[in-house]
Amino acid sequence: MFGRWQAFARDEHGRVTAFVVLITTACLLFAGLVLDGGLALAAKTKAIGHAQEAARAGAQELDLAAYRASGDARLHPSAAQAAARRYLSAVGATGTVTADATTVRVHIDAQQRTHILGLIGLGEIAVSADGQAHPDQGTFGGAG
């Protein structure tokens, strides 16, 4: 009986295969984290840019009557929301837009499809971004 145990302990058939499977799996998971994580980071950066640009587009919609009456740059909230939504639609993004007399706020939720991590059941990574803008009244300086 002791001889069989020694023969079994010296027999290495199949042990290397298990090691290779584990190392390959670990390498694939690491590659998935690097590739899909990088793509998710790029998608978040893109969403931040879209949110900020949409907010800037909305912040251009001034309430001209209030500006002419008082000289204060205030927003026309419904026009600001519409302009921000038009920008989001033009770039193919979806989000929520809110505006008041001083600020336009945009929130975007997006999904980034995974390439490698989908093999373990993680098909998408959620990303979100926020942007806000307000009308800025410049100063006039003359060289005179």
N, C-alpha and C. Protein backbone atom coordinates (compact mmCIF):
# COMPACT_ATOMS: atom_id res chain seq x y z
N MET A 1 0.81 -1.18 0.00
CA MET A 1 0.00 0.00 0.00
C MET A 1 0.86 1.26 0.00
N PHE A 2 1.96 1.23 0.76
CA PHE A 2 2.86 2.36 0.82
C PHE A 2 3.51 2.60 -0.53
N GLY A 3 3.76 1.56 -1.29
CA GLY A 3 4.36 1.68 -2.62
C GLY A 3 3.43 2.38 -3.60
N ARG A 4 2.17 2.09 -3.48
CA ARG A 4 1.20 2.78 -4.36
C ARG A 4 1.18 4.28 -4.09
N TRP A 5 1.23 4.65 -2.82
CA TRP A 5 1.22 6.07 -2.47
C TRP A 5 2.44 6.78 -3.01
N GLN A 6 3.60 6.15 -2.93
CA GLN A 6 4.81 6.76 -3.47
C GLN A 6 4.73 6.89 -4.98
N ALA A 7 4.17 5.90 -5.62
CA ALA A 7 4.01 5.98 -7.08
C ALA A 7 3.04 7.09 -7.46
N PHE A 8 2.00 7.24 -6.68
CA PHE A 8 1.03 8.31 -6.95
C PHE A 8 1.66 9.68 -6.71
N ALA A 9 2.45 9.81 -5.66
CA ALA A 9 3.09 11.08 -5.34
C ALA A 9 4.11 11.47 -6.40
N ARG A 10 4.77 10.49 -7.03
CA ARG A 10 5.76 10.81 -8.07
C ARG A 10 5.09 11.04 -9.42
N ASP A 11 3.89 10.59 -9.59
CA ASP A 11 3.18 10.74 -10.85
C ASP A 11 2.69 12.18 -10.98
N GLU A 12 3.18 12.91 -11.97
CA GLU A 12 2.84 14.31 -12.15
C GLU A 12 1.93 14.55 -13.34
N HIS A 13 1.32 13.52 -13.87
CA HIS A 13 0.42 13.69 -15.01
C HIS A 13 -0.78 14.55 -14.60
N GLY A 14 -1.03 15.61 -15.33
CA GLY A 14 -2.19 16.46 -15.09
C GLY A 14 -1.94 17.62 -14.15
N ARG A 15 -0.85 17.62 -13.43
CA ARG A 15 -0.59 18.72 -12.50
C ARG A 15 -0.18 20.00 -13.23
N VAL A 16 0.59 19.88 -14.25
CA VAL A 16 1.00 21.05 -15.02
C VAL A 16 -0.21 21.64 -15.73
N THR A 17 -1.10 20.79 -16.19
CA THR A 17 -2.28 21.27 -16.88
C THR A 17 -3.12 22.16 -15.96
N ALA A 18 -3.31 21.77 -14.73
CA ALA A 18 -4.08 22.57 -13.79
C ALA A 18 -3.39 23.91 -13.53
N PHE A 19 -2.07 23.89 -13.44
CA PHE A 19 -1.32 25.13 -13.24
C PHE A 19 -1.49 26.07 -14.44
N VAL A 20 -1.40 25.52 -15.64
CA VAL A 20 -1.54 26.33 -16.85
C VAL A 20 -2.94 26.92 -16.93
N VAL A 21 -3.95 26.15 -16.59
CA VAL A 21 -5.33 26.65 -16.61
C VAL A 21 -5.49 27.81 -15.63
N LEU A 22 -4.96 27.68 -14.43
CA LEU A 22 -5.07 28.75 -13.44
C LEU A 22 -4.32 30.01 -13.88
N ILE A 23 -3.13 29.86 -14.37
CA ILE A 23 -2.34 31.02 -14.81
C ILE A 23 -3.00 31.69 -16.01
N THR A 24 -3.51 30.91 -16.95
CA THR A 24 -4.17 31.47 -18.12
C THR A 24 -5.42 32.23 -17.72
N THR A 25 -6.19 31.68 -16.81
CA THR A 25 -7.40 32.35 -16.33
C THR A 25 -7.05 33.66 -15.64
N ALA A 26 -6.02 33.65 -14.80
CA ALA A 26 -5.60 34.87 -14.11
C ALA A 26 -5.12 35.92 -15.12
N CYS A 27 -4.39 35.51 -16.13
CA CYS A 27 -3.91 36.45 -17.15
C CYS A 27 -5.08 37.04 -17.94
N LEU A 28 -6.08 36.23 -18.27
CA LEU A 28 -7.25 36.74 -18.98
C LEU A 28 -8.03 37.73 -18.13
N LEU A 29 -8.20 37.44 -16.85
CA LEU A 29 -8.89 38.37 -15.97
C LEU A 29 -8.13 39.68 -15.85
N PHE A 30 -6.82 39.60 -15.74
CA PHE A 30 -6.01 40.82 -15.66
C PHE A 30 -6.12 41.63 -16.95
N ALA A 31 -6.05 40.94 -18.09
CA ALA A 31 -6.21 41.63 -19.38
C ALA A 31 -7.59 42.26 -19.49
N GLY A 32 -8.61 41.57 -18.99
CA GLY A 32 -9.97 42.12 -19.01
C GLY A 32 -10.08 43.36 -18.15
N LEU A 33 -9.46 43.34 -16.99
CA LEU A 33 -9.49 44.53 -16.14
C LEU A 33 -8.78 45.70 -16.80
N VAL A 34 -7.65 45.42 -17.44
CA VAL A 34 -6.90 46.49 -18.09
C VAL A 34 -7.67 47.04 -19.30
N LEU A 35 -8.10 46.16 -20.20
CA LEU A 35 -8.77 46.61 -21.42
C LEU A 35 -10.14 47.22 -21.11
N ASP A 36 -10.99 46.47 -20.44
CA ASP A 36 -12.34 46.95 -20.19
C ASP A 36 -12.36 48.11 -19.19
N GLY A 37 -11.43 48.10 -18.24
CA GLY A 37 -11.32 49.23 -17.32
C GLY A 37 -10.88 50.49 -18.06
N GLY A 38 -9.96 50.34 -18.99
CA GLY A 38 -9.53 51.48 -19.79
C GLY A 38 -10.66 52.01 -20.67
N LEU A 39 -11.43 51.11 -21.25
CA LEU A 39 -12.57 51.53 -22.07
C LEU A 39 -13.63 52.23 -21.22
N ALA A 40 -13.85 51.75 -20.00
CA ALA A 40 -14.81 52.39 -19.11
C ALA A 40 -14.32 53.78 -18.70
N LEU A 41 -13.03 53.91 -18.46
CA LEU A 41 -12.48 55.21 -18.13
C LEU A 41 -12.61 56.18 -19.30
N ALA A 42 -12.36 55.70 -20.51
CA ALA A 42 -12.53 56.54 -21.70
C ALA A 42 -14.00 56.94 -21.88
N ALA A 43 -14.92 56.01 -21.62
CA ALA A 43 -16.35 56.33 -21.74
C ALA A 43 -16.76 57.37 -20.70
N LYS A 44 -16.20 57.28 -19.50
CA LYS A 44 -16.52 58.27 -18.46
C LYS A 44 -15.99 59.64 -18.87
N THR A 45 -14.78 59.69 -19.40
CA THR A 45 -14.21 60.96 -19.85
C THR A 45 -15.06 61.57 -20.96
N LYS A 46 -15.52 60.73 -21.87
CA LYS A 46 -16.38 61.20 -22.97
C LYS A 46 -17.71 61.71 -22.41
N ALA A 47 -18.27 61.01 -21.45
CA ALA A 47 -19.55 61.43 -20.84
C ALA A 47 -19.38 62.75 -20.10
N ILE A 48 -18.26 62.93 -19.42
CA ILE A 48 -18.01 64.20 -18.72
C ILE A 48 -17.95 65.34 -19.74
N GLY A 49 -17.25 65.12 -20.84
CA GLY A 49 -17.17 66.14 -21.88
C GLY A 49 -18.53 66.48 -22.45
N HIS A 50 -19.34 65.46 -22.72
CA HIS A 50 -20.68 65.71 -23.25
C HIS A 50 -21.55 66.48 -22.24
N ALA A 51 -21.46 66.10 -20.97
CA ALA A 51 -22.27 66.78 -19.95
C ALA A 51 -21.85 68.25 -19.81
N GLN A 52 -20.56 68.49 -19.82
CA GLN A 52 -20.10 69.87 -19.69
C GLN A 52 -20.45 70.70 -20.92
N GLU A 53 -20.30 70.14 -22.09
CA GLU A 53 -20.63 70.88 -23.32
C GLU A 53 -22.14 71.14 -23.42
N ALA A 54 -22.94 70.17 -23.01
CA ALA A 54 -24.39 70.38 -23.03
C ALA A 54 -24.77 71.51 -22.06
N ALA A 55 -24.14 71.53 -20.89
CA ALA A 55 -24.42 72.59 -19.94
C ALA A 55 -23.99 73.95 -20.50
N ARG A 56 -22.85 73.98 -21.17
CA ARG A 56 -22.41 75.25 -21.78
C ARG A 56 -23.37 75.70 -22.88
N ALA A 57 -23.86 74.75 -23.65
CA ALA A 57 -24.83 75.10 -24.70
C ALA A 57 -26.08 75.70 -24.08
N GLY A 58 -26.52 75.14 -22.97
CA GLY A 58 -27.69 75.68 -22.30
C GLY A 58 -27.44 77.04 -21.67
N ALA A 59 -26.21 77.26 -21.19
CA ALA A 59 -25.88 78.51 -20.52
C ALA A 59 -25.81 79.69 -21.49
N GLN A 60 -25.92 79.45 -22.76
CA GLN A 60 -25.93 80.54 -23.74
C GLN A 60 -27.33 81.11 -23.95
N GLU A 61 -28.32 80.46 -23.39
CA GLU A 61 -29.71 80.90 -23.57
C GLU A 61 -30.09 81.92 -22.49
N LEU A 62 -29.78 83.17 -22.76
CA LEU A 62 -30.03 84.24 -21.79
C LEU A 62 -31.47 84.73 -21.88
N ASP A 63 -31.95 85.21 -20.75
CA ASP A 63 -33.23 85.91 -20.69
C ASP A 63 -32.94 87.35 -21.11
N LEU A 64 -33.15 87.64 -22.38
CA LEU A 64 -32.77 88.94 -22.93
C LEU A 64 -33.56 90.09 -22.34
N ALA A 65 -34.82 89.87 -22.01
CA ALA A 65 -35.64 90.93 -21.42
C ALA A 65 -35.06 91.35 -20.07
N ALA A 66 -34.67 90.36 -19.26
CA ALA A 66 -34.07 90.67 -17.95
C ALA A 66 -32.71 91.34 -18.13
N TYR A 67 -31.97 90.91 -19.12
CA TYR A 67 -30.66 91.51 -19.36
C TYR A 67 -30.79 92.98 -19.78
N ARG A 68 -31.74 93.22 -20.66
CA ARG A 68 -31.95 94.61 -21.11
C ARG A 68 -32.47 95.51 -19.99
N ALA A 69 -33.28 94.94 -19.11
CA ALA A 69 -33.87 95.73 -18.03
C ALA A 69 -32.87 96.02 -16.91
N SER A 70 -32.10 95.01 -16.52
CA SER A 70 -31.24 95.18 -15.36
C SER A 70 -29.74 95.06 -15.66
N GLY A 71 -29.39 94.49 -16.79
CA GLY A 71 -27.97 94.28 -17.10
C GLY A 71 -27.40 93.01 -16.50
N ASP A 72 -28.24 92.24 -15.80
CA ASP A 72 -27.79 90.97 -15.20
C ASP A 72 -27.96 89.84 -16.21
N ALA A 73 -26.94 89.02 -16.34
CA ALA A 73 -27.02 87.87 -17.23
C ALA A 73 -27.72 86.73 -16.49
N ARG A 74 -28.98 86.50 -16.82
CA ARG A 74 -29.76 85.41 -16.24
C ARG A 74 -30.22 84.51 -17.37
N LEU A 75 -30.46 83.27 -17.00
CA LEU A 75 -30.88 82.29 -18.00
C LEU A 75 -32.38 82.29 -18.20
N HIS A 76 -32.77 81.88 -19.37
CA HIS A 76 -34.17 81.55 -19.66
C HIS A 76 -34.24 80.03 -19.47
N PRO A 77 -34.73 79.55 -18.31
CA PRO A 77 -34.59 78.13 -17.96
C PRO A 77 -35.12 77.15 -18.99
N SER A 78 -36.30 77.37 -19.55
CA SER A 78 -36.83 76.39 -20.50
C SER A 78 -36.01 76.37 -21.78
N ALA A 79 -35.55 77.53 -22.24
CA ALA A 79 -34.70 77.57 -23.44
C ALA A 79 -33.35 76.93 -23.16
N ALA A 80 -32.82 77.12 -21.96
CA ALA A 80 -31.53 76.51 -21.59
C ALA A 80 -31.64 74.99 -21.56
N GLN A 81 -32.72 74.48 -21.00
CA GLN A 81 -32.92 73.03 -20.98
C GLN A 81 -33.05 72.48 -22.39
N ALA A 82 -33.79 73.17 -23.23
CA ALA A 82 -33.98 72.71 -24.61
C ALA A 82 -32.66 72.70 -25.36
N ALA A 83 -31.83 73.73 -25.18
CA ALA A 83 -30.54 73.78 -25.87
C ALA A 83 -29.62 72.67 -25.40
N ALA A 84 -29.61 72.41 -24.11
CA ALA A 84 -28.77 71.33 -23.58
C ALA A 84 -29.25 69.97 -24.10
N ARG A 85 -30.56 69.76 -24.14
CA ARG A 85 -31.10 68.49 -24.66
C ARG A 85 -30.79 68.33 -26.15
N ARG A 86 -30.84 69.44 -26.91
CA ARG A 86 -30.49 69.37 -28.33
C ARG A 86 -29.04 68.93 -28.50
N TYR A 87 -28.16 69.48 -27.67
CA TYR A 87 -26.75 69.09 -27.75
C TYR A 87 -26.59 67.60 -27.44
N LEU A 88 -27.23 67.15 -26.37
CA LEU A 88 -27.13 65.72 -26.01
C LEU A 88 -27.64 64.84 -27.14
N SER A 89 -28.73 65.23 -27.74
CA SER A 89 -29.29 64.47 -28.85
C SER A 89 -28.33 64.45 -30.04
N ALA A 90 -27.69 65.59 -30.31
CA ALA A 90 -26.77 65.68 -31.44
C ALA A 90 -25.56 64.77 -31.28
N VAL A 91 -25.11 64.56 -30.05
CA VAL A 91 -23.94 63.71 -29.83
C VAL A 91 -24.33 62.27 -29.48
N GLY A 92 -25.63 62.00 -29.43
CA GLY A 92 -26.09 60.63 -29.17
C GLY A 92 -26.05 60.23 -27.71
N ALA A 93 -26.09 61.19 -26.82
CA ALA A 93 -26.09 60.89 -25.38
C ALA A 93 -27.48 61.13 -24.81
N THR A 94 -27.75 60.49 -23.70
CA THR A 94 -29.01 60.72 -23.00
C THR A 94 -28.71 61.12 -21.56
N GLY A 95 -29.54 61.99 -21.04
CA GLY A 95 -29.33 62.44 -19.68
C GLY A 95 -30.46 63.32 -19.22
N THR A 96 -30.31 63.81 -18.01
CA THR A 96 -31.30 64.70 -17.44
C THR A 96 -30.72 66.11 -17.40
N VAL A 97 -31.56 67.08 -17.67
CA VAL A 97 -31.15 68.48 -17.70
C VAL A 97 -32.07 69.27 -16.79
N THR A 98 -31.49 70.07 -15.92
CA THR A 98 -32.26 70.99 -15.09
C THR A 98 -31.63 72.37 -15.24
N ALA A 99 -32.45 73.39 -15.16
CA ALA A 99 -31.95 74.75 -15.26
C ALA A 99 -32.80 75.68 -14.41
N ASP A 100 -32.14 76.67 -13.85
CA ASP A 100 -32.83 77.76 -13.18
C ASP A 100 -32.26 79.05 -13.75
N ALA A 101 -32.47 80.15 -13.10
CA ALA A 101 -32.05 81.44 -13.64
C ALA A 101 -30.54 81.62 -13.65
N THR A 102 -29.82 80.78 -12.90
CA THR A 102 -28.37 80.99 -12.79
C THR A 102 -27.51 79.82 -13.25
N THR A 103 -28.06 78.61 -13.32
CA THR A 103 -27.23 77.45 -13.58
C THR A 103 -27.96 76.41 -14.42
N VAL A 104 -27.21 75.77 -15.32
CA VAL A 104 -27.70 74.62 -16.08
C VAL A 104 -26.93 73.41 -15.57
N ARG A 105 -27.65 72.35 -15.19
CA ARG A 105 -27.02 71.12 -14.70
C ARG A 105 -27.41 69.96 -15.62
N VAL A 106 -26.42 69.15 -15.97
CA VAL A 106 -26.65 68.01 -16.85
C VAL A 106 -26.07 66.78 -16.18
N HIS A 107 -26.84 65.70 -16.18
CA HIS A 107 -26.38 64.41 -15.65
C HIS A 107 -26.55 63.36 -16.75
N ILE A 108 -25.49 62.62 -17.01
CA ILE A 108 -25.52 61.58 -18.04
C ILE A 108 -25.22 60.24 -17.40
N ASP A 109 -26.03 59.23 -17.72
CA ASP A 109 -25.77 57.84 -17.36
C ASP A 109 -25.54 57.08 -18.66
N ALA A 110 -24.46 56.32 -18.72
CA ALA A 110 -24.15 55.56 -19.94
C ALA A 110 -23.66 54.18 -19.56
N GLN A 111 -23.66 53.29 -20.52
CA GLN A 111 -23.19 51.93 -20.34
C GLN A 111 -22.05 51.66 -21.32
N GLN A 112 -20.96 51.10 -20.83
CA GLN A 112 -19.84 50.72 -21.69
C GLN A 112 -19.83 49.20 -21.79
N ARG A 113 -19.98 48.69 -23.01
CA ARG A 113 -19.97 47.25 -23.23
C ARG A 113 -18.56 46.71 -23.01
N THR A 114 -18.45 45.57 -22.34
CA THR A 114 -17.14 44.97 -22.09
C THR A 114 -16.80 43.99 -23.21
N HIS A 115 -15.50 43.75 -23.36
CA HIS A 115 -15.04 42.83 -24.39
C HIS A 115 -14.54 41.53 -23.79
N ILE A 116 -13.75 41.61 -22.75
CA ILE A 116 -13.18 40.40 -22.14
C ILE A 116 -13.94 40.00 -20.88
N LEU A 117 -14.31 40.97 -20.07
CA LEU A 117 -15.00 40.64 -18.82
C LEU A 117 -16.39 40.07 -19.06
N GLY A 118 -16.89 40.17 -20.27
CA GLY A 118 -18.15 39.53 -20.62
C GLY A 118 -18.07 38.02 -20.49
N LEU A 119 -16.87 37.48 -20.57
CA LEU A 119 -16.69 36.03 -20.43
C LEU A 119 -17.03 35.55 -19.03
N ILE A 120 -16.95 36.43 -18.05
CA ILE A 120 -17.29 36.02 -16.69
C ILE A 120 -18.64 36.59 -16.25
N GLY A 121 -19.40 37.11 -17.22
CA GLY A 121 -20.75 37.56 -16.92
C GLY A 121 -20.90 39.06 -16.71
N LEU A 122 -19.84 39.82 -16.81
CA LEU A 122 -19.93 41.27 -16.67
C LEU A 122 -19.98 41.87 -18.06
N GLY A 123 -21.21 42.05 -18.57
CA GLY A 123 -21.39 42.49 -19.95
C GLY A 123 -21.29 43.98 -20.15
N GLU A 124 -21.57 44.79 -19.12
CA GLU A 124 -21.53 46.24 -19.25
C GLU A 124 -21.02 46.86 -17.96
N ILE A 125 -20.39 48.02 -18.11
CA ILE A 125 -19.95 48.81 -16.97
C ILE A 125 -20.69 50.14 -17.04
N ALA A 126 -21.33 50.50 -15.94
CA ALA A 126 -22.09 51.75 -15.89
C ALA A 126 -21.15 52.91 -15.60
N VAL A 127 -21.32 53.99 -16.36
CA VAL A 127 -20.57 55.22 -16.11
C VAL A 127 -21.56 56.37 -16.03
N SER A 128 -21.23 57.38 -15.26
CA SER A 128 -22.09 58.56 -15.16
C SER A 128 -21.21 59.80 -15.09
N ALA A 129 -21.81 60.92 -15.44
CA ALA A 129 -21.06 62.18 -15.44
C ALA A 129 -22.00 63.33 -15.19
N ASP A 130 -21.47 64.39 -14.62
CA ASP A 130 -22.23 65.60 -14.36
C ASP A 130 -21.49 66.79 -14.93
N GLY A 131 -22.26 67.76 -15.37
CA GLY A 131 -21.69 69.01 -15.84
C GLY A 131 -22.62 70.14 -15.46
N GLN A 132 -22.05 71.30 -15.25
CA GLN A 132 -22.88 72.46 -14.96
C GLN A 132 -22.20 73.70 -15.52
N ALA A 133 -23.01 74.68 -15.83
CA ALA A 133 -22.51 75.95 -16.35
C ALA A 133 -23.46 77.06 -15.97
N HIS A 134 -22.93 78.25 -15.94
CA HIS A 134 -23.76 79.42 -15.66
C HIS A 134 -23.34 80.53 -16.60
N PRO A 135 -24.24 81.46 -16.86
CA PRO A 135 -23.88 82.55 -17.77
C PRO A 135 -22.82 83.42 -17.12
N ASP A 136 -21.85 83.79 -17.89
CA ASP A 136 -20.76 84.61 -17.39
C ASP A 136 -20.78 85.94 -18.13
N GLN A 137 -20.89 86.97 -17.40
CA GLN A 137 -20.95 88.28 -17.99
C GLN A 137 -19.55 88.87 -17.99
N GLY A 138 -19.01 89.07 -19.16
CA GLY A 138 -17.67 89.63 -19.27
C GLY A 138 -17.67 91.12 -18.99
N THR A 139 -16.49 91.64 -18.89
CA THR A 139 -16.37 93.07 -18.69
C THR A 139 -15.86 93.71 -19.97
N PHE A 140 -16.29 94.90 -20.20
CA PHE A 140 -15.85 95.63 -21.39
C PHE A 140 -14.75 96.59 -20.97
N GLY A 141 -13.64 96.45 -21.58
CA GLY A 141 -12.55 97.36 -21.30
C GLY A 141 -12.11 98.01 -22.59
N GLY A 142 -12.04 99.25 -22.59
CA GLY A 142 -11.67 99.94 -23.83
C GLY A 142 -10.28 100.52 -23.73
N ALA A 143 -9.63 100.51 -24.83
CA ALA A 143 -8.33 101.16 -24.91
C ALA A 143 -8.58 102.56 -25.40
N GLY A 144 -8.79 103.44 -24.52
CA GLY A 144 -9.26 104.66 -25.02
C GLY A 144 -8.65 105.86 -24.56
